[in-house]
């Protein structure tokens, strides 16, 4: 998941996100506000009381870390404020057409199968096959259906893929608490 993945999102576009992705961002926000920031603030206060701040490593590092935390809190606040939660498991009339939240299995020209899930820009994880809805791959397959042959303009040339399966299922995200150090 990108630290500032929204910089790749077109200006003015919606911040679509799955329920799991929203919970993860909210978990990180709450962890920063209720745990990380208070702990670092306490260290900075203690270090400030130790005299000369110009050569006080705890103070200097603590202030730097507070700036990083505040920047991330600001970013998360903005992303959560404009988030539009889209539940892939919600009933939809046509479950055969590809849209946000779809999990799609396709094969390339050599017959190699791959599965991807279309998620929000704050949820990208290529190791799990989670691709952004604004990625070239997602744009190429959006509105396609099972059995369609789709042309993909990739950096290494034009490729064709065949859509083998379209599913709408829960997209699992690890909670922030589980992945935070």
N, C-alpha and C. Protein backbone atom coordinates (compact mmCIF):
# COMPACT_ATOMS: atom_id res chain seq x y z
N UNK A 1 0.83 -1.16 0.00
CA UNK A 1 0.00 0.00 0.00
C UNK A 1 0.88 1.23 0.00
N UNK A 2 0.63 2.08 -0.95
CA UNK A 2 1.47 3.26 -1.09
C UNK A 2 1.25 4.25 0.02
N UNK A 3 2.34 4.87 0.45
CA UNK A 3 2.25 5.89 1.49
C UNK A 3 1.48 7.09 0.96
N UNK A 4 1.70 7.44 -0.29
CA UNK A 4 1.00 8.58 -0.87
C UNK A 4 0.47 8.18 -2.24
N UNK A 5 -0.25 7.09 -2.27
CA UNK A 5 -0.72 6.54 -3.53
C UNK A 5 -1.71 7.45 -4.25
N UNK A 6 -2.33 8.37 -3.54
CA UNK A 6 -3.33 9.22 -4.17
C UNK A 6 -2.72 10.21 -5.15
N UNK A 7 -1.40 10.38 -5.14
CA UNK A 7 -0.79 11.31 -6.09
C UNK A 7 -0.95 10.82 -7.52
N UNK A 8 -1.27 9.53 -7.69
CA UNK A 8 -1.48 8.96 -9.01
C UNK A 8 -2.94 9.01 -9.43
N UNK A 9 -3.79 9.48 -8.55
CA UNK A 9 -5.22 9.53 -8.83
C UNK A 9 -5.53 10.82 -9.57
N UNK A 10 -6.33 10.74 -10.65
CA UNK A 10 -6.69 11.96 -11.37
C UNK A 10 -7.38 12.97 -10.46
N UNK A 11 -7.03 14.24 -10.61
CA UNK A 11 -7.63 15.29 -9.79
C UNK A 11 -9.13 15.30 -9.98
N UNK A 12 -9.84 15.42 -8.88
CA UNK A 12 -11.29 15.50 -8.92
C UNK A 12 -12.00 14.16 -9.03
N UNK A 13 -11.25 13.07 -9.15
CA UNK A 13 -11.90 11.77 -9.25
C UNK A 13 -12.30 11.29 -7.86
N UNK A 14 -13.22 10.37 -7.82
CA UNK A 14 -13.71 9.84 -6.54
C UNK A 14 -12.64 8.98 -5.89
N UNK A 15 -12.68 8.91 -4.56
CA UNK A 15 -11.77 8.02 -3.83
C UNK A 15 -12.53 6.75 -3.48
N UNK A 16 -12.71 5.90 -4.50
CA UNK A 16 -13.38 4.63 -4.26
C UNK A 16 -12.49 3.75 -3.39
N UNK A 17 -13.11 3.02 -2.47
CA UNK A 17 -12.36 2.16 -1.56
C UNK A 17 -13.28 1.03 -1.09
N UNK A 18 -12.71 -0.14 -0.87
CA UNK A 18 -13.49 -1.27 -0.37
C UNK A 18 -13.69 -1.10 1.14
N UNK A 19 -14.67 -1.78 1.73
CA UNK A 19 -14.84 -1.70 3.19
C UNK A 19 -13.57 -2.10 3.95
N UNK A 20 -12.87 -3.13 3.48
CA UNK A 20 -11.64 -3.55 4.14
C UNK A 20 -10.54 -2.51 4.05
N UNK A 21 -10.43 -1.86 2.90
CA UNK A 21 -9.44 -0.80 2.73
C UNK A 21 -9.75 0.40 3.60
N UNK A 22 -11.03 0.74 3.70
CA UNK A 22 -11.45 1.86 4.55
C UNK A 22 -11.13 1.56 6.01
N UNK A 23 -11.43 0.34 6.44
CA UNK A 23 -11.15 -0.04 7.83
C UNK A 23 -9.65 0.02 8.12
N UNK A 24 -8.83 -0.35 7.15
CA UNK A 24 -7.38 -0.32 7.33
C UNK A 24 -6.88 1.12 7.48
N UNK A 25 -7.35 2.02 6.61
CA UNK A 25 -6.95 3.43 6.71
C UNK A 25 -7.42 4.04 8.03
N UNK A 26 -8.65 3.73 8.41
CA UNK A 26 -9.18 4.26 9.67
C UNK A 26 -8.39 3.71 10.85
N UNK A 27 -8.02 2.43 10.78
CA UNK A 27 -7.21 1.82 11.84
C UNK A 27 -5.86 2.49 11.98
N UNK A 28 -5.24 2.79 10.84
CA UNK A 28 -3.95 3.48 10.88
C UNK A 28 -4.11 4.88 11.48
N UNK A 29 -5.16 5.60 11.06
CA UNK A 29 -5.43 6.93 11.60
C UNK A 29 -5.59 6.88 13.12
N UNK A 30 -6.41 5.96 13.60
CA UNK A 30 -6.65 5.85 15.05
C UNK A 30 -5.38 5.45 15.80
N UNK A 31 -4.59 4.56 15.22
CA UNK A 31 -3.33 4.14 15.84
C UNK A 31 -2.37 5.32 15.96
N UNK A 32 -2.27 6.11 14.90
CA UNK A 32 -1.40 7.29 14.95
C UNK A 32 -1.89 8.30 15.98
N UNK A 33 -3.19 8.55 16.01
CA UNK A 33 -3.76 9.55 16.92
C UNK A 33 -3.73 9.11 18.38
N UNK A 34 -4.02 7.85 18.64
CA UNK A 34 -4.20 7.38 20.02
C UNK A 34 -3.00 6.69 20.63
N UNK A 35 -2.05 6.26 19.80
CA UNK A 35 -0.90 5.54 20.34
C UNK A 35 0.43 6.19 19.95
N UNK A 36 0.71 6.20 18.65
CA UNK A 36 2.02 6.67 18.18
C UNK A 36 2.28 8.14 18.53
N UNK A 37 1.33 9.02 18.19
CA UNK A 37 1.55 10.45 18.43
C UNK A 37 1.70 10.77 19.92
N UNK A 38 0.83 10.27 20.80
CA UNK A 38 1.00 10.55 22.23
C UNK A 38 2.34 10.04 22.78
N UNK A 39 2.79 8.86 22.32
CA UNK A 39 4.07 8.33 22.79
C UNK A 39 5.23 9.21 22.35
N UNK A 40 5.23 9.63 21.10
CA UNK A 40 6.31 10.48 20.59
C UNK A 40 6.25 11.85 21.25
N UNK A 41 5.06 12.38 21.48
CA UNK A 41 4.91 13.67 22.16
C UNK A 41 5.49 13.60 23.57
N UNK A 42 5.26 12.51 24.26
CA UNK A 42 5.81 12.34 25.62
C UNK A 42 7.34 12.31 25.58
N UNK A 43 7.91 11.64 24.60
CA UNK A 43 9.38 11.59 24.48
C UNK A 43 9.93 12.97 24.19
N UNK A 44 9.28 13.72 23.29
CA UNK A 44 9.74 15.08 22.96
C UNK A 44 9.65 15.97 24.18
N UNK A 45 8.58 15.87 24.95
CA UNK A 45 8.43 16.69 26.17
C UNK A 45 9.53 16.36 27.18
N UNK A 46 9.78 15.06 27.35
CA UNK A 46 10.85 14.64 28.27
C UNK A 46 12.20 15.16 27.79
N UNK A 47 12.47 15.01 26.48
CA UNK A 47 13.76 15.43 25.92
C UNK A 47 13.93 16.94 26.00
N UNK A 48 12.84 17.69 25.83
CA UNK A 48 12.91 19.15 25.90
C UNK A 48 13.31 19.60 27.30
N UNK A 49 12.95 18.82 28.30
CA UNK A 49 13.28 19.16 29.67
C UNK A 49 14.73 18.84 30.04
N UNK A 50 15.46 18.23 29.13
CA UNK A 50 16.85 17.86 29.40
C UNK A 50 17.86 18.92 29.01
N UNK A 51 17.41 20.12 28.75
CA UNK A 51 18.36 21.19 28.48
C UNK A 51 18.55 21.47 27.00
N UNK A 52 19.82 21.64 26.60
CA UNK A 52 20.20 22.05 25.24
C UNK A 52 19.54 21.16 24.19
N UNK A 53 18.69 21.77 23.38
CA UNK A 53 17.97 21.01 22.37
C UNK A 53 18.76 20.85 21.08
N UNK A 54 19.77 21.66 20.86
CA UNK A 54 20.51 21.63 19.60
C UNK A 54 21.28 20.33 19.40
N UNK A 55 21.69 19.69 20.49
CA UNK A 55 22.44 18.43 20.37
C UNK A 55 21.72 17.28 21.07
N UNK A 56 20.43 17.45 21.26
CA UNK A 56 19.62 16.45 21.95
C UNK A 56 18.96 15.54 20.91
N UNK A 57 19.54 14.36 20.70
CA UNK A 57 19.06 13.44 19.67
C UNK A 57 17.61 13.03 19.86
N UNK A 58 17.20 12.75 21.10
CA UNK A 58 15.82 12.36 21.36
C UNK A 58 14.86 13.46 20.94
N UNK A 59 15.24 14.71 21.25
CA UNK A 59 14.39 15.84 20.91
C UNK A 59 14.34 16.04 19.39
N UNK A 60 15.49 16.05 18.76
CA UNK A 60 15.56 16.29 17.31
C UNK A 60 14.82 15.20 16.54
N UNK A 61 15.11 13.94 16.87
CA UNK A 61 14.43 12.83 16.19
C UNK A 61 12.93 12.85 16.49
N UNK A 62 12.57 13.11 17.73
CA UNK A 62 11.16 13.15 18.13
C UNK A 62 10.38 14.21 17.37
N UNK A 63 10.96 15.40 17.24
CA UNK A 63 10.29 16.47 16.49
C UNK A 63 10.13 16.09 15.02
N UNK A 64 11.16 15.46 14.47
CA UNK A 64 11.09 15.01 13.07
C UNK A 64 9.99 13.97 12.92
N UNK A 65 9.94 13.02 13.84
CA UNK A 65 8.93 11.96 13.79
C UNK A 65 7.52 12.55 13.97
N UNK A 66 7.37 13.55 14.84
CA UNK A 66 6.07 14.20 15.01
C UNK A 66 5.61 14.86 13.71
N UNK A 67 6.53 15.50 12.99
CA UNK A 67 6.17 16.11 11.70
C UNK A 67 5.70 15.04 10.72
N UNK A 68 6.40 13.90 10.69
CA UNK A 68 6.00 12.80 9.80
C UNK A 68 4.61 12.27 10.18
N UNK A 69 4.39 12.09 11.47
CA UNK A 69 3.10 11.59 11.94
C UNK A 69 1.99 12.57 11.59
N UNK A 70 2.22 13.86 11.85
CA UNK A 70 1.20 14.86 11.55
C UNK A 70 0.90 14.93 10.06
N UNK A 71 1.94 14.78 9.24
CA UNK A 71 1.74 14.78 7.79
C UNK A 71 0.88 13.59 7.38
N UNK A 72 1.16 12.42 7.93
CA UNK A 72 0.39 11.21 7.60
C UNK A 72 -1.05 11.33 8.12
N UNK A 73 -1.23 11.88 9.31
CA UNK A 73 -2.58 12.08 9.86
C UNK A 73 -3.37 13.01 8.94
N UNK A 74 -2.74 14.08 8.49
CA UNK A 74 -3.40 15.02 7.58
C UNK A 74 -3.81 14.31 6.28
N UNK A 75 -2.89 13.52 5.72
CA UNK A 75 -3.16 12.77 4.49
C UNK A 75 -4.33 11.81 4.70
N UNK A 76 -4.28 11.04 5.79
CA UNK A 76 -5.34 10.06 6.05
C UNK A 76 -6.69 10.74 6.27
N UNK A 77 -6.69 11.87 6.96
CA UNK A 77 -7.92 12.62 7.19
C UNK A 77 -8.55 13.02 5.86
N UNK A 78 -7.72 13.55 4.96
CA UNK A 78 -8.23 13.96 3.64
C UNK A 78 -8.77 12.76 2.87
N UNK A 79 -8.05 11.65 2.87
CA UNK A 79 -8.46 10.46 2.12
C UNK A 79 -9.76 9.88 2.69
N UNK A 80 -9.85 9.82 4.02
CA UNK A 80 -11.05 9.26 4.65
C UNK A 80 -12.26 10.17 4.45
N UNK A 81 -12.03 11.49 4.45
CA UNK A 81 -13.13 12.44 4.26
C UNK A 81 -13.79 12.30 2.89
N UNK A 82 -13.01 11.98 1.88
CA UNK A 82 -13.57 11.88 0.53
C UNK A 82 -13.79 10.44 0.07
N UNK A 83 -13.58 9.50 0.98
CA UNK A 83 -13.73 8.08 0.62
C UNK A 83 -15.17 7.75 0.26
N UNK A 84 -15.32 7.00 -0.79
CA UNK A 84 -16.62 6.48 -1.19
C UNK A 84 -16.52 4.96 -1.14
N UNK A 85 -17.11 4.39 -0.10
CA UNK A 85 -16.99 2.95 0.13
C UNK A 85 -17.89 2.19 -0.85
N UNK A 86 -17.26 1.24 -1.55
CA UNK A 86 -17.98 0.39 -2.50
C UNK A 86 -17.78 -1.06 -2.06
N UNK A 87 -18.87 -1.70 -1.67
CA UNK A 87 -18.79 -3.08 -1.20
C UNK A 87 -18.96 -4.04 -2.37
N UNK A 88 -17.91 -4.80 -2.70
CA UNK A 88 -18.01 -5.73 -3.84
C UNK A 88 -19.06 -6.82 -3.64
N UNK A 89 -19.42 -7.09 -2.38
CA UNK A 89 -20.40 -8.16 -2.13
C UNK A 89 -21.84 -7.66 -2.18
N UNK A 90 -22.02 -6.34 -2.29
CA UNK A 90 -23.38 -5.78 -2.37
C UNK A 90 -24.05 -6.31 -3.63
N UNK A 91 -25.34 -6.49 -3.52
CA UNK A 91 -26.05 -7.04 -4.68
C UNK A 91 -25.97 -6.07 -5.85
N UNK A 92 -25.69 -6.63 -6.99
CA UNK A 92 -25.67 -5.86 -8.23
C UNK A 92 -26.40 -6.67 -9.27
N UNK A 93 -27.04 -5.98 -10.19
CA UNK A 93 -27.84 -6.68 -11.19
C UNK A 93 -26.99 -7.59 -12.06
N UNK A 94 -25.88 -7.09 -12.54
CA UNK A 94 -25.06 -7.85 -13.49
C UNK A 94 -23.72 -8.19 -12.85
N UNK A 95 -23.57 -9.43 -12.45
CA UNK A 95 -22.32 -9.86 -11.81
C UNK A 95 -21.34 -10.42 -12.84
N UNK A 96 -21.66 -10.30 -14.12
CA UNK A 96 -20.77 -10.82 -15.15
C UNK A 96 -19.91 -9.73 -15.77
N UNK A 97 -20.24 -8.47 -15.50
CA UNK A 97 -19.49 -7.36 -16.07
C UNK A 97 -18.52 -6.82 -15.04
N UNK A 98 -17.34 -6.40 -15.50
CA UNK A 98 -16.26 -5.98 -14.61
C UNK A 98 -16.38 -4.50 -14.25
N UNK A 99 -16.41 -4.25 -12.93
CA UNK A 99 -16.39 -2.89 -12.39
C UNK A 99 -15.53 -2.90 -11.13
N UNK A 100 -15.47 -1.77 -10.43
CA UNK A 100 -14.73 -1.66 -9.18
C UNK A 100 -15.16 -2.78 -8.24
N UNK A 101 -14.19 -3.42 -7.60
CA UNK A 101 -14.47 -4.47 -6.64
C UNK A 101 -14.49 -5.87 -7.23
N UNK A 102 -14.43 -5.97 -8.55
CA UNK A 102 -14.45 -7.29 -9.19
C UNK A 102 -13.13 -8.02 -8.97
N UNK A 103 -13.22 -9.32 -8.82
CA UNK A 103 -12.05 -10.19 -8.83
C UNK A 103 -12.12 -10.95 -10.15
N UNK A 104 -11.08 -10.76 -10.96
CA UNK A 104 -11.10 -11.22 -12.34
C UNK A 104 -9.96 -12.20 -12.59
N UNK A 105 -10.29 -13.34 -13.18
CA UNK A 105 -9.27 -14.28 -13.63
C UNK A 105 -9.21 -14.19 -15.15
N UNK A 106 -7.99 -14.07 -15.67
CA UNK A 106 -7.81 -13.96 -17.11
C UNK A 106 -6.60 -14.79 -17.53
N UNK A 107 -6.49 -15.01 -18.82
CA UNK A 107 -5.29 -15.69 -19.34
C UNK A 107 -4.67 -14.81 -20.42
N UNK A 108 -3.35 -14.86 -20.48
CA UNK A 108 -2.65 -14.07 -21.49
C UNK A 108 -2.52 -14.88 -22.78
N UNK A 109 -1.78 -14.34 -23.75
CA UNK A 109 -1.64 -14.99 -25.05
C UNK A 109 -0.97 -16.36 -24.96
N UNK A 110 -0.18 -16.58 -23.93
CA UNK A 110 0.51 -17.87 -23.76
C UNK A 110 -0.31 -18.84 -22.90
N UNK A 111 -1.49 -18.42 -22.48
CA UNK A 111 -2.35 -19.29 -21.69
C UNK A 111 -2.11 -19.23 -20.19
N UNK A 112 -1.21 -18.36 -19.75
CA UNK A 112 -0.92 -18.23 -18.32
C UNK A 112 -2.08 -17.50 -17.64
N UNK A 113 -2.59 -18.09 -16.56
CA UNK A 113 -3.72 -17.50 -15.82
C UNK A 113 -3.22 -16.59 -14.71
N UNK A 114 -3.99 -15.54 -14.47
CA UNK A 114 -3.69 -14.60 -13.39
C UNK A 114 -5.02 -14.08 -12.86
N UNK A 115 -5.05 -13.78 -11.55
CA UNK A 115 -6.25 -13.22 -10.93
C UNK A 115 -5.90 -11.88 -10.30
N UNK A 116 -6.75 -10.88 -10.55
CA UNK A 116 -6.58 -9.56 -9.97
C UNK A 116 -7.91 -9.11 -9.37
N UNK A 117 -7.82 -8.24 -8.37
CA UNK A 117 -9.00 -7.59 -7.79
C UNK A 117 -8.85 -6.10 -7.98
N UNK A 118 -9.90 -5.45 -8.43
CA UNK A 118 -9.87 -4.01 -8.70
C UNK A 118 -10.27 -3.28 -7.43
N UNK A 119 -9.33 -2.49 -6.89
CA UNK A 119 -9.51 -1.81 -5.61
C UNK A 119 -9.18 -0.32 -5.74
N UNK A 120 -9.26 0.41 -4.64
CA UNK A 120 -8.94 1.83 -4.61
C UNK A 120 -7.45 2.08 -4.63
N UNK A 121 -7.07 3.33 -4.92
CA UNK A 121 -5.65 3.67 -5.02
C UNK A 121 -4.91 3.52 -3.70
N UNK A 122 -5.62 3.58 -2.59
CA UNK A 122 -4.98 3.43 -1.28
C UNK A 122 -4.87 1.96 -0.86
N UNK A 123 -5.30 1.04 -1.70
CA UNK A 123 -5.33 -0.38 -1.35
C UNK A 123 -4.41 -1.24 -2.21
N UNK A 124 -3.69 -0.65 -3.12
CA UNK A 124 -2.86 -1.40 -4.07
C UNK A 124 -1.89 -2.32 -3.34
N UNK A 125 -1.85 -3.56 -3.78
CA UNK A 125 -0.89 -4.55 -3.27
C UNK A 125 -0.70 -5.58 -4.38
N UNK A 126 0.28 -5.35 -5.23
CA UNK A 126 0.47 -6.21 -6.40
C UNK A 126 0.83 -7.64 -6.01
N UNK A 127 1.40 -7.84 -4.81
CA UNK A 127 1.73 -9.20 -4.39
C UNK A 127 0.47 -10.03 -4.17
N UNK A 128 -0.66 -9.36 -3.89
CA UNK A 128 -1.93 -10.05 -3.70
C UNK A 128 -2.84 -9.93 -4.93
N UNK A 129 -2.36 -9.24 -5.95
CA UNK A 129 -3.17 -9.04 -7.15
C UNK A 129 -4.17 -7.91 -7.01
N UNK A 130 -3.98 -7.02 -6.04
CA UNK A 130 -4.87 -5.87 -5.85
C UNK A 130 -4.36 -4.73 -6.73
N UNK A 131 -5.14 -4.38 -7.75
CA UNK A 131 -4.74 -3.32 -8.67
C UNK A 131 -5.72 -2.15 -8.55
N UNK A 132 -5.21 -0.96 -8.78
CA UNK A 132 -6.02 0.25 -8.69
C UNK A 132 -7.02 0.32 -9.84
N UNK A 133 -8.17 0.86 -9.55
CA UNK A 133 -9.20 1.03 -10.57
C UNK A 133 -8.77 1.99 -11.67
N UNK A 134 -7.72 2.78 -11.44
CA UNK A 134 -7.24 3.70 -12.47
C UNK A 134 -6.01 3.16 -13.20
N UNK A 135 -5.58 1.95 -12.87
CA UNK A 135 -4.42 1.36 -13.53
C UNK A 135 -4.77 1.01 -14.98
N UNK A 136 -3.75 0.95 -15.85
CA UNK A 136 -4.02 0.57 -17.25
C UNK A 136 -4.73 -0.78 -17.37
N UNK A 137 -4.35 -1.74 -16.55
CA UNK A 137 -4.99 -3.07 -16.60
C UNK A 137 -6.48 -2.96 -16.25
N UNK A 138 -6.78 -2.27 -15.13
CA UNK A 138 -8.18 -2.14 -14.71
C UNK A 138 -9.00 -1.38 -15.75
N UNK A 139 -8.41 -0.33 -16.30
CA UNK A 139 -9.14 0.44 -17.32
C UNK A 139 -9.43 -0.41 -18.55
N UNK A 140 -8.48 -1.27 -18.90
CA UNK A 140 -8.66 -2.12 -20.09
C UNK A 140 -9.77 -3.15 -19.89
N UNK A 141 -9.88 -3.70 -18.69
CA UNK A 141 -10.86 -4.77 -18.48
C UNK A 141 -12.21 -4.30 -17.95
N UNK A 142 -12.29 -3.04 -17.49
CA UNK A 142 -13.56 -2.52 -16.98
C UNK A 142 -14.63 -2.58 -18.08
N UNK A 143 -15.78 -3.05 -17.71
CA UNK A 143 -16.97 -3.24 -18.56
C UNK A 143 -16.89 -4.50 -19.42
N UNK A 144 -15.76 -5.21 -19.38
CA UNK A 144 -15.68 -6.47 -20.12
C UNK A 144 -16.45 -7.54 -19.35
N UNK A 145 -16.67 -8.67 -20.00
CA UNK A 145 -17.41 -9.78 -19.40
C UNK A 145 -16.64 -11.08 -19.60
N UNK A 146 -17.04 -12.08 -18.84
CA UNK A 146 -16.43 -13.40 -18.98
C UNK A 146 -16.52 -13.83 -20.44
N UNK A 147 -15.38 -14.31 -20.97
CA UNK A 147 -15.32 -14.75 -22.37
C UNK A 147 -14.83 -13.69 -23.33
N UNK A 148 -14.82 -12.42 -22.89
CA UNK A 148 -14.34 -11.34 -23.77
C UNK A 148 -12.84 -11.42 -23.96
N UNK A 149 -12.39 -10.99 -25.13
CA UNK A 149 -10.97 -10.81 -25.42
C UNK A 149 -10.72 -9.31 -25.33
N UNK A 150 -9.75 -8.92 -24.51
CA UNK A 150 -9.49 -7.51 -24.24
C UNK A 150 -8.08 -7.15 -24.71
N UNK A 151 -7.94 -5.97 -25.30
CA UNK A 151 -6.63 -5.48 -25.71
C UNK A 151 -6.07 -4.60 -24.61
N UNK A 152 -4.84 -4.88 -24.24
CA UNK A 152 -4.16 -4.14 -23.18
C UNK A 152 -2.93 -3.46 -23.75
N UNK A 153 -2.85 -2.15 -23.58
CA UNK A 153 -1.67 -1.40 -24.02
C UNK A 153 -0.68 -1.37 -22.86
N UNK A 154 0.30 -2.26 -22.91
CA UNK A 154 1.29 -2.40 -21.85
C UNK A 154 2.58 -1.68 -22.26
N UNK A 155 3.44 -1.38 -21.28
CA UNK A 155 4.71 -0.71 -21.60
C UNK A 155 5.55 -1.48 -22.63
N UNK A 156 5.42 -2.79 -22.63
CA UNK A 156 6.21 -3.59 -23.57
C UNK A 156 5.41 -4.01 -24.81
N UNK A 157 4.34 -3.30 -25.10
CA UNK A 157 3.59 -3.56 -26.32
C UNK A 157 2.13 -3.87 -26.07
N UNK A 158 1.43 -4.10 -27.16
CA UNK A 158 0.00 -4.40 -27.09
C UNK A 158 -0.17 -5.90 -26.85
N UNK A 159 -1.02 -6.23 -25.87
CA UNK A 159 -1.26 -7.62 -25.51
C UNK A 159 -2.77 -7.87 -25.53
N UNK A 160 -3.13 -9.12 -25.73
CA UNK A 160 -4.53 -9.49 -25.62
C UNK A 160 -4.68 -10.49 -24.49
N UNK A 161 -5.77 -10.35 -23.76
CA UNK A 161 -6.07 -11.28 -22.67
C UNK A 161 -7.51 -11.73 -22.80
N UNK A 162 -7.79 -12.92 -22.29
CA UNK A 162 -9.15 -13.43 -22.30
C UNK A 162 -9.68 -13.47 -20.87
N UNK A 163 -10.85 -12.89 -20.67
CA UNK A 163 -11.48 -12.89 -19.35
C UNK A 163 -12.09 -14.27 -19.12
N UNK A 164 -11.61 -14.96 -18.09
CA UNK A 164 -12.07 -16.32 -17.80
C UNK A 164 -13.17 -16.35 -16.75
N UNK A 165 -13.07 -15.47 -15.75
CA UNK A 165 -14.05 -15.49 -14.66
C UNK A 165 -14.15 -14.11 -14.02
N UNK A 166 -15.36 -13.74 -13.64
CA UNK A 166 -15.62 -12.48 -12.93
C UNK A 166 -16.39 -12.83 -11.67
N UNK A 167 -15.85 -12.41 -10.51
CA UNK A 167 -16.52 -12.66 -9.22
C UNK A 167 -16.58 -11.36 -8.44
N UNK A 168 -17.59 -11.25 -7.61
CA UNK A 168 -17.68 -10.15 -6.66
C UNK A 168 -17.72 -10.78 -5.28
N UNK A 169 -16.62 -10.65 -4.56
CA UNK A 169 -16.47 -11.27 -3.25
C UNK A 169 -15.77 -10.28 -2.32
N UNK A 170 -15.76 -10.60 -1.06
CA UNK A 170 -15.07 -9.75 -0.09
C UNK A 170 -13.58 -9.72 -0.42
N UNK A 171 -13.01 -8.52 -0.42
CA UNK A 171 -11.58 -8.36 -0.65
C UNK A 171 -10.94 -8.13 0.71
N UNK A 172 -10.15 -9.09 1.12
CA UNK A 172 -9.59 -9.06 2.47
C UNK A 172 -8.35 -8.19 2.56
N UNK A 173 -8.31 -7.36 3.58
CA UNK A 173 -7.16 -6.51 3.87
C UNK A 173 -6.73 -6.81 5.30
N UNK A 174 -5.43 -6.88 5.53
CA UNK A 174 -4.96 -7.01 6.90
C UNK A 174 -5.28 -5.72 7.63
N UNK A 175 -5.69 -5.85 8.88
CA UNK A 175 -5.95 -4.63 9.65
C UNK A 175 -4.62 -3.95 9.93
N UNK A 176 -4.68 -2.65 10.16
CA UNK A 176 -3.43 -1.91 10.38
C UNK A 176 -2.69 -2.41 11.60
N UNK A 177 -3.41 -2.74 12.66
CA UNK A 177 -2.78 -3.18 13.90
C UNK A 177 -1.92 -4.42 13.67
N UNK A 178 -2.33 -5.26 12.76
CA UNK A 178 -1.59 -6.49 12.49
C UNK A 178 -0.30 -6.23 11.73
N UNK A 179 -0.25 -5.15 10.94
CA UNK A 179 0.91 -4.90 10.11
C UNK A 179 1.80 -3.80 10.65
N UNK A 180 1.34 -3.06 11.66
CA UNK A 180 2.13 -1.95 12.21
C UNK A 180 3.19 -2.47 13.15
N UNK A 181 4.28 -1.76 13.21
CA UNK A 181 5.37 -2.13 14.12
C UNK A 181 5.38 -1.18 15.28
